Amino acid sequence: MRSRPTRTRLAGALLAATAAIGLATAGTGTASAETVVPLERCWGVSPNIVDQPFSTARLFVSPEGRGRVVARVRDVSSFWIPTGGYQSVGRLDWHNLTTGRKGTSVNAASIGLYVGGPTFHVNTGPGTVRVTFSAVNRNALWAIPSTACSGTMRVG
């Protein structure tokens, strides 16, 4: 039989683990409905050249009603804080493989230090949807396109 101090330590450890799990999940709210859609890797040179490359391999997707979703690009960043980073014009082409519907959504966003990325509100209708993402990134001097990347998501 274990002594009382050992049981107390075990109970304390269990309580601490339970609290840690609670803290890790607290505040997630609607984020629990968000899913990650893997893409082939998209990449491109930042228009600021000496910067982090434009590189993403996923979309963060949240439902916005039946057959509608919000798809966000979050994995892009720029070290050029004093100049305000750069502008990215993203394009999301989609094809609902279940219904045959197709469409395109375009969104411009500022890319800063761990902030920014295009956001797309799309009404694909329910079904399996193939998406292709690409972007043109620009600063005051020039624009540089990224490669395109594709993935598949399920829209309810």
C-alpha atoms as a PDB file:
ATOM      1  CA  MET A   1       0.000   0.000   0.000  1.00  0.00           C
ATOM      2  CA  ARG A   2       1.280   3.455  -0.875  1.00  0.00           C
ATOM      3  CA  SER A   3       1.850   6.028   1.791  1.00  0.00           C
ATOM      4  CA  ARG A   4      -0.304   9.121   2.036  1.00  0.00           C
ATOM      5  CA  PRO A   5       2.470  11.528   0.764  1.00  0.00           C
ATOM      6  CA  THR A   6       2.907   9.415  -2.395  1.00  0.00           C
ATOM      7  CA  ARG A   7      -0.852   9.446  -3.101  1.00  0.00           C
ATOM      8  CA  THR A   8      -0.908  13.182  -2.479  1.00  0.00           C
ATOM      9  CA  ARG A   9       1.946  13.733  -4.954  1.00  0.00           C
ATOM     10  CA  LEU A  10       0.195  11.540  -7.552  1.00  0.00           C
ATOM     11  CA  ALA A  11      -3.069  13.400  -7.045  1.00  0.00           C
ATOM     12  CA  GLY A  12      -1.224  16.727  -7.372  1.00  0.00           C
ATOM     13  CA  ALA A  13       0.475  15.591 -10.575  1.00  0.00           C
ATOM     14  CA  LEU A  14      -2.868  14.453 -12.009  1.00  0.00           C
ATOM     15  CA  LEU A  15      -4.472  17.769 -11.087  1.00  0.00           C
ATOM     16  CA  ALA A  16      -1.599  19.692 -12.732  1.00  0.00           C
ATOM     17  CA  ALA A  17      -1.855  17.587 -15.913  1.00  0.00           C
ATOM     18  CA  THR A  18      -5.623  18.121 -16.060  1.00  0.00           C
ATOM     19  CA  ALA A  19      -5.177  21.877 -15.605  1.00  0.00           C
ATOM     20  CA  ALA A  20      -2.538  21.970 -18.360  1.00  0.00           C
ATOM     21  CA  ILE A  21      -4.871  20.180 -20.764  1.00  0.00           C
ATOM     22  CA  GLY A  22      -7.655  22.581 -19.830  1.00  0.00           C
ATOM     23  CA  LEU A  23      -5.416  25.587 -20.470  1.00  0.00           C
ATOM     24  CA  ALA A  24      -4.270  24.184 -23.791  1.00  0.00           C
ATOM     25  CA  THR A  25      -7.849  23.863 -25.012  1.00  0.00           C
ATOM     26  CA  ALA A  26      -9.323  26.949 -23.322  1.00  0.00           C
ATOM     27  CA  GLY A  27     -10.192  29.805 -25.593  1.00  0.00           C
ATOM     28  CA  THR A  28     -10.273  27.778 -28.798  1.00  0.00           C
ATOM     29  CA  GLY A  29     -13.976  28.578 -29.300  1.00  0.00           C
ATOM     30  CA  THR A  30     -14.815  28.511 -32.986  1.00  0.00           C
ATOM     31  CA  ALA A  31     -11.232  27.616 -33.903  1.00  0.00           C
ATOM     32  CA  SER A  32     -12.153  24.001 -33.260  1.00  0.00           C
ATOM     33  CA  ALA A  33     -14.211  24.149 -36.481  1.00  0.00           C
ATOM     34  CA  GLU A  34     -11.144  25.286 -38.427  1.00  0.00           C
ATOM     35  CA  THR A  35      -9.385  22.634 -40.480  1.00  0.00           C
ATOM     36  CA  VAL A  36      -6.043  22.621 -42.248  1.00  0.00           C
ATOM     37  CA  VAL A  37      -6.043  21.762 -45.938  1.00  0.00           C
ATOM     38  CA  PRO A  38      -2.619  20.530 -47.100  1.00  0.00           C
ATOM     39  CA  LEU A  39      -1.335  21.967 -50.369  1.00  0.00           C
ATOM     40  CA  GLU A  40       1.620  21.107 -52.495  1.00  0.00           C
ATOM     41  CA  ARG A  41       4.354  23.609 -51.523  1.00  0.00           C
ATOM     42  CA  CYS A  42       3.923  27.086 -53.098  1.00  0.00           C
ATOM     43  CA  TRP A  43       7.001  29.234 -53.076  1.00  0.00           C
ATOM     44  CA  GLY A  44       8.415  32.392 -54.502  1.00  0.00           C
ATOM     45  CA  VAL A  45      11.056  34.989 -53.865  1.00  0.00           C
ATOM     46  CA  SER A  46       9.976  37.889 -51.683  1.00  0.00           C
ATOM     47  CA  PRO A  47       9.861  41.125 -53.698  1.00  0.00           C
ATOM     48  CA  ASN A  48      12.220  42.473 -51.024  1.00  0.00           C
ATOM     49  CA  ILE A  49      14.761  39.843 -52.226  1.00  0.00           C
ATOM     50  CA  VAL A  50      16.768  39.697 -48.965  1.00  0.00           C
ATOM     51  CA  ASP A  51      13.824  38.402 -46.940  1.00  0.00           C
ATOM     52  CA  GLN A  52      12.010  35.237 -46.020  1.00  0.00           C
ATOM     53  CA  PRO A  53      10.797  33.426 -49.141  1.00  0.00           C
ATOM     54  CA  PHE A  54       7.089  33.359 -49.874  1.00  0.00           C
ATOM     55  CA  SER A  55       6.316  29.761 -48.971  1.00  0.00           C
ATOM     56  CA  THR A  56       3.141  28.037 -47.854  1.00  0.00           C
ATOM     57  CA  ALA A  57       1.839  24.491 -47.939  1.00  0.00           C
ATOM     58  CA  ARG A  58      -1.605  24.783 -46.350  1.00  0.00           C
ATOM     59  CA  LEU A  59      -4.839  26.704 -46.101  1.00  0.00           C
ATOM     60  CA  PHE A  60      -6.682  27.289 -42.830  1.00  0.00           C
ATOM     61  CA  VAL A  61     -10.364  26.738 -43.596  1.00  0.00           C
ATOM     62  CA  SER A  62     -13.433  27.598 -41.492  1.00  0.00           C
ATOM     63  CA  PRO A  63     -17.079  27.008 -42.402  1.00  0.00           C
ATOM     64  CA  GLU A  64     -19.121  30.125 -43.145  1.00  0.00           C
ATOM     65  CA  GLY A  65     -22.494  28.484 -43.745  1.00  0.00           C
ATOM     66  CA  ARG A  66     -23.688  25.616 -45.910  1.00  0.00           C
ATOM     67  CA  GLY A  67     -21.388  25.258 -48.906  1.00  0.00           C
ATOM     68  CA  ARG A  68     -19.354  28.336 -47.950  1.00  0.00           C
ATOM     69  CA  VAL A  69     -15.914  28.573 -46.337  1.00  0.00           C
ATOM     70  CA  VAL A  70     -13.249  31.104 -45.428  1.00  0.00           C
ATOM     71  CA  ALA A  71      -9.784  29.985 -46.548  1.00  0.00           C
ATOM     72  CA  ARG A  72      -6.771  31.804 -45.076  1.00  0.00           C
ATOM     73  CA  VAL A  73      -3.065  31.804 -45.906  1.00  0.00           C
ATOM     74  CA  ARG A  74      -1.106  32.347 -42.686  1.00  0.00           C
ATOM     75  CA  ASP A  75       2.357  30.864 -43.228  1.00  0.00           C
ATOM     76  CA  VAL A  76       3.957  33.842 -44.968  1.00  0.00           C
ATOM     77  CA  SER A  77       6.016  36.578 -43.363  1.00  0.00           C
ATOM     78  CA  SER A  78       8.461  39.419 -44.081  1.00  0.00           C
ATOM     79  CA  PHE A  79      11.342  40.761 -42.013  1.00  0.00           C
ATOM     80  CA  TRP A  80      11.023  44.195 -43.649  1.00  0.00           C
ATOM     81  CA  ILE A  81       9.114  45.842 -40.784  1.00  0.00           C
ATOM     82  CA  PRO A  82      10.309  49.457 -41.413  1.00  0.00           C
ATOM     83  CA  THR A  83       9.057  49.366 -45.018  1.00  0.00           C
ATOM     84  CA  GLY A  84       5.787  47.692 -44.103  1.00  0.00           C
ATOM     85  CA  GLY A  85       6.654  44.328 -45.646  1.00  0.00           C
ATOM     86  CA  TYR A  86       5.074  43.870 -49.060  1.00  0.00           C
ATOM     87  CA  GLN A  87       1.722  43.394 -50.768  1.00  0.00           C
ATOM     88  CA  SER A  88       0.523  39.947 -51.811  1.00  0.00           C
ATOM     89  CA  VAL A  89      -2.343  39.442 -54.230  1.00  0.00           C
ATOM     90  CA  GLY A  90      -3.544  35.879 -53.805  1.00  0.00           C
ATOM     91  CA  ARG A  91      -5.706  33.910 -56.194  1.00  0.00           C
ATOM     92  CA  LEU A  92      -7.704  30.839 -55.221  1.00  0.00           C
ATOM     93  CA  ASP A  93      -9.217  28.859 -58.091  1.00  0.00           C
ATOM     94  CA  TRP A  94     -11.668  26.180 -57.004  1.00  0.00           C
ATOM     95  CA  HIS A  95     -13.509  23.318 -58.673  1.00  0.00           C
ATOM     96  CA  ASN A  96     -16.257  21.434 -56.849  1.00  0.00           C
ATOM     97  CA  LEU A  97     -15.709  17.859 -58.048  1.00  0.00           C
ATOM     98  CA  THR A  98     -19.136  16.809 -56.742  1.00  0.00           C
ATOM     99  CA  THR A  99     -21.250  19.433 -58.546  1.00  0.00           C
ATOM    100  CA  GLY A 100     -18.924  20.636 -61.319  1.00  0.00           C
ATOM    101  CA  ARG A 101     -19.120  24.276 -60.151  1.00  0.00           C
ATOM    102  CA  LYS A 102     -15.967  26.377 -60.598  1.00  0.00           C
ATOM    103  CA  GLY A 103     -14.862  29.790 -59.441  1.00  0.00           C
ATOM    104  CA  THR A 104     -12.038  32.137 -58.546  1.00  0.00           C
ATOM    105  CA  SER A 105     -11.479  34.386 -55.562  1.00  0.00           C
ATOM    106  CA  VAL A 106      -8.822  37.121 -55.390  1.00  0.00           C
ATOM    107  CA  ASN A 107      -7.654  38.953 -52.270  1.00  0.00           C
ATOM    108  CA  ALA A 108      -4.845  41.398 -51.534  1.00  0.00           C
ATOM    109  CA  ALA A 109      -3.098  41.423 -48.166  1.00  0.00           C
ATOM    110  CA  SER A 110      -0.115  43.080 -46.535  1.00  0.00           C
ATOM    111  CA  ILE A 111       2.637  40.665 -45.536  1.00  0.00           C
ATOM    112  CA  GLY A 112       4.512  41.694 -42.393  1.00  0.00           C
ATOM    113  CA  LEU A 113       6.414  40.006 -39.616  1.00  0.00           C
ATOM    114  CA  TYR A 114       4.311  36.877 -38.908  1.00  0.00           C
ATOM    115  CA  VAL A 115       1.214  38.809 -39.959  1.00  0.00           C
ATOM    116  CA  GLY A 116      -0.827  38.756 -43.103  1.00  0.00           C
ATOM    117  CA  GLY A 117      -1.766  36.554 -45.970  1.00  0.00           C
ATOM    118  CA  PRO A 118      -4.704  36.525 -48.351  1.00  0.00           C
ATOM    119  CA  THR A 119      -8.148  35.504 -47.087  1.00  0.00           C
ATOM    120  CA  PHE A 120     -10.786  34.081 -49.419  1.00  0.00           C
ATOM    121  CA  HIS A 121     -14.559  33.839 -48.848  1.00  0.00           C
ATOM    122  CA  VAL A 122     -15.789  31.190 -51.269  1.00  0.00           C
ATOM    123  CA  ASN A 123     -19.206  29.723 -51.996  1.00  0.00           C
ATOM    124  CA  THR A 124     -18.307  26.399 -53.570  1.00  0.00           C
ATOM    125  CA  GLY A 125     -21.411  24.503 -52.542  1.00  0.00           C
ATOM    126  CA  PRO A 126     -21.124  21.261 -50.565  1.00  0.00           C
ATOM    127  CA  GLY A 127     -18.806  18.548 -51.830  1.00  0.00           C
ATOM    128  CA  THR A 128     -15.195  17.689 -52.539  1.00  0.00           C
ATOM    129  CA  VAL A 129     -13.429  20.813 -53.777  1.00  0.00           C
ATOM    130  CA  ARG A 130     -10.063  20.988 -55.535  1.00  0.00           C
ATOM    131  CA  VAL A 131      -8.283  24.311 -54.884  1.00  0.00           C
ATOM    132  CA  THR A 132      -5.281  25.905 -56.574  1.00  0.00           C
ATOM    133  CA  PHE A 133      -3.552  28.825 -54.853  1.00  0.00           C
ATOM    134  CA  SER A 134      -1.033  31.279 -56.317  1.00  0.00           C
ATOM    135  CA  ALA A 135       0.088  34.816 -55.521  1.00  0.00           C
ATOM    136  CA  VAL A 136       1.821  37.828 -57.010  1.00  0.00           C
ATOM    137  CA  ASN A 137       3.942  39.610 -54.416  1.00  0.00           C
ATOM    138  CA  ARG A 138       4.950  43.227 -54.927  1.00  0.00           C
ATOM    139  CA  ASN A 139       6.773  46.121 -53.371  1.00  0.00           C
ATOM    140  CA  ALA A 140       7.185  49.667 -54.743  1.00  0.00           C
ATOM    141  CA  LEU A 141       9.676  48.525 -57.401  1.00  0.00           C
ATOM    142  CA  TRP A 142       8.489  45.209 -58.867  1.00  0.00           C
ATOM    143  CA  ALA A 143       6.166  42.231 -58.662  1.00  0.00           C
ATOM    144  CA  ILE A 144       7.191  38.579 -58.443  1.00  0.00           C
ATOM    145  CA  PRO A 145       4.734  35.679 -58.928  1.00  0.00           C
ATOM    146  CA  SER A 146       4.819  32.572 -56.773  1.00  0.00           C
ATOM    147  CA  THR A 147       4.399  29.037 -57.999  1.00  0.00           C
ATOM    148  CA  ALA A 148       0.901  27.560 -57.852  1.00  0.00           C
ATOM    149  CA  CYS A 149      -0.042  24.767 -55.464  1.00  0.00           C
ATOM    150  CA  SER A 150      -3.117  22.576 -55.155  1.00  0.00           C
ATOM    151  CA  GLY A 151      -5.027  20.558 -52.590  1.00  0.00           C
ATOM    152  CA  THR A 152      -8.446  19.105 -51.916  1.00  0.00           C
ATOM    153  CA  MET A 153     -10.935  20.018 -49.195  1.00  0.00           C
ATOM    154  CA  ARG A 154     -14.324  18.795 -48.102  1.00  0.00           C
ATOM    155  CA  VAL A 155     -17.005  21.491 -47.863  1.00  0.00           C
ATOM    156  CA  GLY A 156     -20.216  20.755 -45.925  1.00  0.00           C
END
